[in-house]
Amino acid sequence: METQRGTERNRPSSQGSVTRGMTEHVVERAGEVKEAVADFGRKTIDSIDAHRRPAAVTLEDTASALEQQSGRLTGAAQSAADTLRTTADYVRTHDMSAMGRDVTELVRRYPGQALLAATVFGFCVARAVRTRA
């Protein structure tokens, strides 16, 4: 009898095998999902990087249009044109990873302002989505 109990303890239970099998399956699926997310992220960044130059050109064109009309407009228009031109240069010369690092640095240096900006942005997006629905 004692030998039989010792043998039962040494034999793996079917429940343990099922649990191990499920765990292995979950780990395998998690790895596949992780790869898919990473691939999607790479494709998204590549797509955004591909649109950086056209966006910079559009910003530059807008700045030029503002400057052409700045004789009739105030100094605010000239300031806006200068800001657009600076933004165009920044977008043209920085890739997504550099922009991400810059945003991270700004959030670290100005956490309160970043939180306020994120709140205002979220509010605006929510209003835009609500009005379209």
N, C-alpha and C. Protein backbone atom coordinates (compact mmCIF):
# COMPACT_ATOMS: atom_id res chain seq x y z
N MET A 1 0.82 -1.17 0.00
CA MET A 1 0.00 0.00 0.00
C MET A 1 0.87 1.25 0.00
N GLU A 2 1.88 1.25 0.89
CA GLU A 2 2.80 2.39 0.96
C GLU A 2 3.53 2.56 -0.35
N THR A 3 3.89 1.47 -1.00
CA THR A 3 4.58 1.54 -2.28
C THR A 3 3.66 2.13 -3.34
N GLN A 4 2.41 1.78 -3.27
CA GLN A 4 1.46 2.30 -4.25
C GLN A 4 1.30 3.81 -4.08
N ARG A 5 1.24 4.32 -2.84
CA ARG A 5 1.13 5.76 -2.62
C ARG A 5 2.38 6.48 -3.10
N GLY A 6 3.54 5.92 -2.84
CA GLY A 6 4.78 6.52 -3.30
C GLY A 6 4.81 6.60 -4.82
N THR A 7 4.30 5.57 -5.48
CA THR A 7 4.25 5.56 -6.93
C THR A 7 3.29 6.63 -7.44
N GLU A 8 2.15 6.80 -6.76
CA GLU A 8 1.19 7.80 -7.19
C GLU A 8 1.76 9.21 -7.05
N ARG A 9 2.56 9.45 -6.01
CA ARG A 9 3.17 10.77 -5.82
C ARG A 9 4.19 11.06 -6.91
N ASN A 10 4.90 10.05 -7.35
CA ASN A 10 5.95 10.26 -8.36
C ASN A 10 5.37 10.38 -9.76
N ARG A 11 4.17 9.88 -10.00
CA ARG A 11 3.55 9.92 -11.31
C ARG A 11 2.97 11.32 -11.55
N PRO A 12 3.26 11.94 -12.69
CA PRO A 12 2.70 13.27 -12.94
C PRO A 12 1.19 13.18 -13.11
N SER A 13 0.50 14.13 -12.54
CA SER A 13 -0.96 14.11 -12.64
C SER A 13 -1.36 14.61 -14.02
N SER A 14 -2.51 14.15 -14.48
CA SER A 14 -2.99 14.59 -15.78
C SER A 14 -3.37 16.06 -15.72
N GLN A 15 -3.81 16.51 -14.56
CA GLN A 15 -4.16 17.92 -14.39
C GLN A 15 -2.91 18.79 -14.55
N GLY A 16 -1.79 18.38 -14.01
CA GLY A 16 -0.53 19.12 -14.15
C GLY A 16 -0.09 19.18 -15.60
N SER A 17 -0.29 18.11 -16.33
CA SER A 17 0.08 18.08 -17.76
C SER A 17 -0.78 19.04 -18.55
N VAL A 18 -2.07 19.08 -18.23
CA VAL A 18 -2.98 19.99 -18.93
C VAL A 18 -2.58 21.44 -18.62
N THR A 19 -2.28 21.71 -17.38
CA THR A 19 -1.89 23.06 -16.97
C THR A 19 -0.61 23.48 -17.68
N ARG A 20 0.37 22.58 -17.72
CA ARG A 20 1.63 22.89 -18.43
C ARG A 20 1.36 23.14 -19.91
N GLY A 21 0.51 22.31 -20.50
CA GLY A 21 0.19 22.48 -21.92
C GLY A 21 -0.48 23.82 -22.18
N MET A 22 -1.40 24.20 -21.31
CA MET A 22 -2.07 25.48 -21.48
C MET A 22 -1.09 26.63 -21.29
N THR A 23 -0.22 26.51 -20.32
CA THR A 23 0.77 27.55 -20.06
C THR A 23 1.69 27.72 -21.27
N GLU A 24 2.13 26.60 -21.83
CA GLU A 24 3.00 26.67 -23.01
C GLU A 24 2.27 27.32 -24.18
N HIS A 25 0.99 26.99 -24.34
CA HIS A 25 0.20 27.58 -25.42
C HIS A 25 0.04 29.09 -25.23
N VAL A 26 -0.25 29.51 -23.99
CA VAL A 26 -0.41 30.93 -23.70
C VAL A 26 0.90 31.68 -23.94
N VAL A 27 2.00 31.10 -23.50
CA VAL A 27 3.30 31.74 -23.70
C VAL A 27 3.61 31.85 -25.20
N GLU A 28 3.29 30.81 -25.95
CA GLU A 28 3.53 30.83 -27.40
C GLU A 28 2.68 31.90 -28.07
N ARG A 29 1.40 31.97 -27.70
CA ARG A 29 0.51 32.98 -28.29
C ARG A 29 0.96 34.39 -27.89
N ALA A 30 1.41 34.56 -26.65
CA ALA A 30 1.88 35.87 -26.21
C ALA A 30 3.09 36.30 -27.03
N GLY A 31 3.97 35.38 -27.34
CA GLY A 31 5.12 35.69 -28.18
C GLY A 31 4.70 36.11 -29.58
N GLU A 32 3.69 35.42 -30.13
CA GLU A 32 3.18 35.78 -31.46
C GLU A 32 2.55 37.17 -31.45
N VAL A 33 1.78 37.46 -30.40
CA VAL A 33 1.14 38.77 -30.29
C VAL A 33 2.21 39.86 -30.15
N LYS A 34 3.22 39.58 -29.35
CA LYS A 34 4.30 40.55 -29.15
C LYS A 34 4.99 40.86 -30.48
N GLU A 35 5.25 39.83 -31.27
CA GLU A 35 5.88 40.03 -32.58
C GLU A 35 4.97 40.84 -33.50
N ALA A 36 3.67 40.53 -33.48
CA ALA A 36 2.72 41.25 -34.33
C ALA A 36 2.65 42.72 -33.95
N VAL A 37 2.62 43.00 -32.66
CA VAL A 37 2.58 44.39 -32.20
C VAL A 37 3.86 45.12 -32.58
N ALA A 38 4.99 44.48 -32.40
CA ALA A 38 6.26 45.10 -32.76
C ALA A 38 6.32 45.38 -34.26
N ASP A 39 5.83 44.44 -35.06
CA ASP A 39 5.81 44.62 -36.52
C ASP A 39 4.88 45.78 -36.90
N PHE A 40 3.71 45.84 -36.26
CA PHE A 40 2.78 46.93 -36.52
C PHE A 40 3.42 48.27 -36.15
N GLY A 41 4.11 48.31 -35.02
CA GLY A 41 4.78 49.53 -34.60
C GLY A 41 5.83 49.97 -35.60
N ARG A 42 6.63 49.02 -36.08
CA ARG A 42 7.65 49.35 -37.08
C ARG A 42 7.01 49.90 -38.35
N LYS A 43 5.95 49.25 -38.81
CA LYS A 43 5.27 49.71 -40.03
C LYS A 43 4.67 51.09 -39.83
N THR A 44 4.10 51.34 -38.67
CA THR A 44 3.52 52.65 -38.39
C THR A 44 4.59 53.72 -38.38
N ILE A 45 5.70 53.45 -37.72
CA ILE A 45 6.79 54.43 -37.68
C ILE A 45 7.34 54.68 -39.07
N ASP A 46 7.49 53.61 -39.87
CA ASP A 46 7.96 53.79 -41.24
C ASP A 46 6.99 54.65 -42.05
N SER A 47 5.71 54.42 -41.85
CA SER A 47 4.70 55.20 -42.57
C SER A 47 4.75 56.67 -42.15
N ILE A 48 4.87 56.91 -40.87
CA ILE A 48 4.95 58.29 -40.38
C ILE A 48 6.22 58.95 -40.90
N ASP A 49 7.32 58.22 -40.86
CA ASP A 49 8.58 58.78 -41.38
C ASP A 49 8.47 59.11 -42.87
N ALA A 50 7.73 58.29 -43.61
CA ALA A 50 7.56 58.54 -45.04
C ALA A 50 6.76 59.82 -45.29
N HIS A 51 5.91 60.20 -44.35
CA HIS A 51 5.09 61.39 -44.51
C HIS A 51 5.71 62.64 -43.88
N ARG A 52 6.87 62.50 -43.28
CA ARG A 52 7.51 63.66 -42.65
C ARG A 52 7.85 64.74 -43.67
N ARG A 53 8.47 64.36 -44.75
CA ARG A 53 8.91 65.36 -45.73
C ARG A 53 7.73 66.09 -46.37
N PRO A 54 6.69 65.37 -46.83
CA PRO A 54 5.53 66.10 -47.37
C PRO A 54 4.89 67.04 -46.33
N ALA A 55 4.87 66.62 -45.07
CA ALA A 55 4.31 67.48 -44.03
C ALA A 55 5.18 68.72 -43.85
N ALA A 56 6.49 68.54 -43.91
CA ALA A 56 7.40 69.68 -43.79
C ALA A 56 7.20 70.65 -44.96
N VAL A 57 7.00 70.11 -46.15
CA VAL A 57 6.77 70.97 -47.33
C VAL A 57 5.47 71.76 -47.16
N THR A 58 4.43 71.10 -46.66
CA THR A 58 3.16 71.78 -46.44
C THR A 58 3.30 72.89 -45.41
N LEU A 59 4.03 72.63 -44.33
CA LEU A 59 4.27 73.66 -43.32
C LEU A 59 5.05 74.83 -43.91
N GLU A 60 6.04 74.51 -44.72
CA GLU A 60 6.85 75.55 -45.36
C GLU A 60 6.00 76.40 -46.30
N ASP A 61 5.14 75.75 -47.08
CA ASP A 61 4.25 76.48 -48.00
C ASP A 61 3.30 77.39 -47.23
N THR A 62 2.77 76.91 -46.13
CA THR A 62 1.87 77.72 -45.30
C THR A 62 2.61 78.92 -44.73
N ALA A 63 3.84 78.70 -44.28
CA ALA A 63 4.64 79.81 -43.76
C ALA A 63 4.89 80.85 -44.84
N SER A 64 5.19 80.40 -46.05
CA SER A 64 5.42 81.34 -47.16
C SER A 64 4.15 82.13 -47.48
N ALA A 65 3.02 81.46 -47.48
CA ALA A 65 1.76 82.15 -47.76
C ALA A 65 1.47 83.20 -46.69
N LEU A 66 1.74 82.87 -45.44
CA LEU A 66 1.55 83.85 -44.36
C LEU A 66 2.49 85.04 -44.52
N GLU A 67 3.73 84.76 -44.91
CA GLU A 67 4.71 85.85 -45.07
C GLU A 67 4.32 86.78 -46.21
N GLN A 68 3.74 86.21 -47.27
CA GLN A 68 3.32 87.04 -48.39
C GLN A 68 2.21 87.99 -47.97
N GLN A 69 1.39 87.57 -47.03
CA GLN A 69 0.30 88.42 -46.57
C GLN A 69 0.67 89.21 -45.32
N SER A 70 1.87 89.04 -44.81
CA SER A 70 2.24 89.68 -43.55
C SER A 70 2.30 91.20 -43.67
N GLY A 71 2.45 91.73 -44.88
CA GLY A 71 2.43 93.18 -45.06
C GLY A 71 1.08 93.74 -44.67
N ARG A 72 0.05 92.97 -44.90
CA ARG A 72 -1.29 93.42 -44.58
C ARG A 72 -1.73 92.97 -43.18
N LEU A 73 -1.02 91.98 -42.64
CA LEU A 73 -1.40 91.45 -41.34
C LEU A 73 -0.45 91.94 -40.26
N THR A 74 -0.74 91.59 -39.04
CA THR A 74 0.06 92.05 -37.90
C THR A 74 1.33 91.23 -37.75
N GLY A 75 2.08 91.58 -36.72
CA GLY A 75 3.29 90.84 -36.39
C GLY A 75 2.98 89.42 -35.96
N ALA A 76 1.75 89.17 -35.54
CA ALA A 76 1.36 87.81 -35.13
C ALA A 76 1.44 86.86 -36.32
N ALA A 77 1.08 87.36 -37.50
CA ALA A 77 1.15 86.52 -38.70
C ALA A 77 2.60 86.18 -39.02
N GLN A 78 3.48 87.16 -38.86
CA GLN A 78 4.91 86.91 -39.11
C GLN A 78 5.45 85.92 -38.09
N SER A 79 5.03 86.08 -36.85
CA SER A 79 5.45 85.15 -35.80
C SER A 79 4.95 83.74 -36.10
N ALA A 80 3.70 83.62 -36.55
CA ALA A 80 3.15 82.32 -36.90
C ALA A 80 3.92 81.71 -38.07
N ALA A 81 4.26 82.52 -39.05
CA ALA A 81 5.04 82.03 -40.20
C ALA A 81 6.40 81.53 -39.76
N ASP A 82 7.05 82.28 -38.87
CA ASP A 82 8.35 81.85 -38.36
C ASP A 82 8.23 80.53 -37.60
N THR A 83 7.19 80.40 -36.79
CA THR A 83 6.97 79.17 -36.04
C THR A 83 6.72 77.99 -36.98
N LEU A 84 5.93 78.21 -38.02
CA LEU A 84 5.67 77.15 -39.00
C LEU A 84 6.95 76.73 -39.72
N ARG A 85 7.77 77.71 -40.06
CA ARG A 85 9.02 77.40 -40.75
C ARG A 85 9.97 76.61 -39.83
N THR A 86 10.04 77.00 -38.56
CA THR A 86 10.87 76.28 -37.59
C THR A 86 10.37 74.86 -37.42
N THR A 87 9.04 74.71 -37.34
CA THR A 87 8.44 73.38 -37.22
C THR A 87 8.74 72.54 -38.46
N ALA A 88 8.66 73.14 -39.62
CA ALA A 88 8.96 72.42 -40.86
C ALA A 88 10.40 71.92 -40.86
N ASP A 89 11.33 72.77 -40.43
CA ASP A 89 12.73 72.36 -40.35
C ASP A 89 12.91 71.21 -39.37
N TYR A 90 12.23 71.30 -38.22
CA TYR A 90 12.33 70.25 -37.20
C TYR A 90 11.80 68.92 -37.75
N VAL A 91 10.63 68.96 -38.38
CA VAL A 91 10.02 67.74 -38.93
C VAL A 91 10.90 67.15 -40.01
N ARG A 92 11.51 68.00 -40.80
CA ARG A 92 12.36 67.54 -41.90
C ARG A 92 13.64 66.86 -41.39
N THR A 93 14.18 67.34 -40.28
CA THR A 93 15.49 66.86 -39.83
C THR A 93 15.44 65.81 -38.72
N HIS A 94 14.27 65.53 -38.14
CA HIS A 94 14.19 64.57 -37.05
C HIS A 94 13.29 63.39 -37.43
N ASP A 95 13.76 62.17 -37.14
CA ASP A 95 12.92 61.01 -37.38
C ASP A 95 12.03 60.77 -36.16
N MET A 96 11.16 59.75 -36.23
CA MET A 96 10.19 59.51 -35.17
C MET A 96 10.85 59.20 -33.83
N SER A 97 11.94 58.45 -33.84
CA SER A 97 12.58 58.12 -32.56
C SER A 97 13.16 59.37 -31.91
N ALA A 98 13.74 60.27 -32.70
CA ALA A 98 14.27 61.52 -32.15
C ALA A 98 13.14 62.40 -31.62
N MET A 99 12.02 62.44 -32.34
CA MET A 99 10.87 63.21 -31.86
C MET A 99 10.33 62.63 -30.56
N GLY A 100 10.30 61.31 -30.48
CA GLY A 100 9.84 60.65 -29.25
C GLY A 100 10.74 60.99 -28.07
N ARG A 101 12.05 60.98 -28.30
CA ARG A 101 12.98 61.35 -27.23
C ARG A 101 12.76 62.80 -26.80
N ASP A 102 12.54 63.67 -27.78
CA ASP A 102 12.31 65.08 -27.45
C ASP A 102 11.03 65.27 -26.64
N VAL A 103 9.98 64.55 -27.02
CA VAL A 103 8.72 64.64 -26.27
C VAL A 103 8.92 64.12 -24.85
N THR A 104 9.61 63.00 -24.73
CA THR A 104 9.88 62.44 -23.40
C THR A 104 10.64 63.45 -22.54
N GLU A 105 11.62 64.09 -23.11
CA GLU A 105 12.40 65.09 -22.37
C GLU A 105 11.53 66.28 -21.95
N LEU A 106 10.66 66.73 -22.85
CA LEU A 106 9.76 67.84 -22.50
C LEU A 106 8.83 67.46 -21.36
N VAL A 107 8.29 66.24 -21.41
CA VAL A 107 7.39 65.80 -20.35
C VAL A 107 8.13 65.71 -19.02
N ARG A 108 9.37 65.26 -19.05
CA ARG A 108 10.15 65.19 -17.81
C ARG A 108 10.45 66.58 -17.26
N ARG A 109 10.75 67.51 -18.15
CA ARG A 109 11.09 68.86 -17.70
C ARG A 109 9.87 69.66 -17.26
N TYR A 110 8.73 69.42 -17.92
CA TYR A 110 7.51 70.19 -17.65
C TYR A 110 6.31 69.25 -17.45
N PRO A 111 6.30 68.47 -16.37
CA PRO A 111 5.22 67.48 -16.21
C PRO A 111 3.83 68.11 -16.06
N GLY A 112 3.73 69.22 -15.35
CA GLY A 112 2.43 69.87 -15.17
C GLY A 112 1.86 70.38 -16.47
N GLN A 113 2.69 71.07 -17.24
CA GLN A 113 2.24 71.59 -18.52
C GLN A 113 1.91 70.46 -19.49
N ALA A 114 2.68 69.37 -19.44
CA ALA A 114 2.42 68.22 -20.31
C ALA A 114 1.08 67.59 -19.97
N LEU A 115 0.80 67.47 -18.68
CA LEU A 115 -0.48 66.91 -18.25
C LEU A 115 -1.64 67.82 -18.69
N LEU A 116 -1.46 69.12 -18.54
CA LEU A 116 -2.48 70.06 -18.98
C LEU A 116 -2.70 69.97 -20.49
N ALA A 117 -1.62 69.91 -21.25
CA ALA A 117 -1.73 69.81 -22.71
C ALA A 117 -2.41 68.51 -23.11
N ALA A 118 -2.07 67.41 -22.44
CA ALA A 118 -2.71 66.12 -22.75
C ALA A 118 -4.19 66.17 -22.42
N THR A 119 -4.56 66.83 -21.34
CA THR A 119 -5.97 66.95 -20.97
C THR A 119 -6.74 67.76 -22.00
N VAL A 120 -6.18 68.89 -22.40
CA VAL A 120 -6.84 69.73 -23.41
C VAL A 120 -6.96 68.97 -24.73
N PHE A 121 -5.89 68.28 -25.12
CA PHE A 121 -5.92 67.51 -26.36
C PHE A 121 -6.98 66.42 -26.29
N GLY A 122 -7.03 65.70 -25.18
CA GLY A 122 -8.04 64.65 -25.01
C GLY A 122 -9.45 65.20 -25.06
N PHE A 123 -9.66 66.36 -24.44
CA PHE A 123 -10.96 67.01 -24.47
C PHE A 123 -11.35 67.36 -25.90
N CYS A 124 -10.42 67.93 -26.66
CA CYS A 124 -10.70 68.31 -28.05
C CYS A 124 -11.01 67.09 -28.92
N VAL A 125 -10.25 66.02 -28.72
CA VAL A 125 -10.50 64.80 -29.49
C VAL A 125 -11.87 64.22 -29.14
N ALA A 126 -12.19 64.21 -27.85
CA ALA A 126 -13.49 63.69 -27.42
C ALA A 126 -14.63 64.51 -28.02
N ARG A 127 -14.48 65.82 -28.05
CA ARG A 127 -15.52 66.67 -28.64
C ARG A 127 -15.66 66.41 -30.13
N ALA A 128 -14.53 66.25 -30.80
CA ALA A 128 -14.57 66.00 -32.24
C ALA A 128 -15.23 64.66 -32.54
N VAL A 129 -14.91 63.67 -31.75
CA VAL A 129 -15.50 62.35 -31.97
C VAL A 129 -17.00 62.39 -31.67
N ARG A 130 -17.38 63.07 -30.60
CA ARG A 130 -18.77 63.14 -30.20
C ARG A 130 -19.61 63.85 -31.26
N THR A 131 -19.08 64.93 -31.87
CA THR A 131 -19.85 65.66 -32.86
C THR A 131 -20.00 64.88 -34.16
N ARG A 132 -19.07 64.00 -34.45
CA ARG A 132 -19.17 63.18 -35.66
C ARG A 132 -20.13 62.02 -35.50
N ALA A 133 -20.31 61.56 -34.29
CA ALA A 133 -21.16 60.39 -34.05
C ALA A 133 -22.62 60.69 -34.08
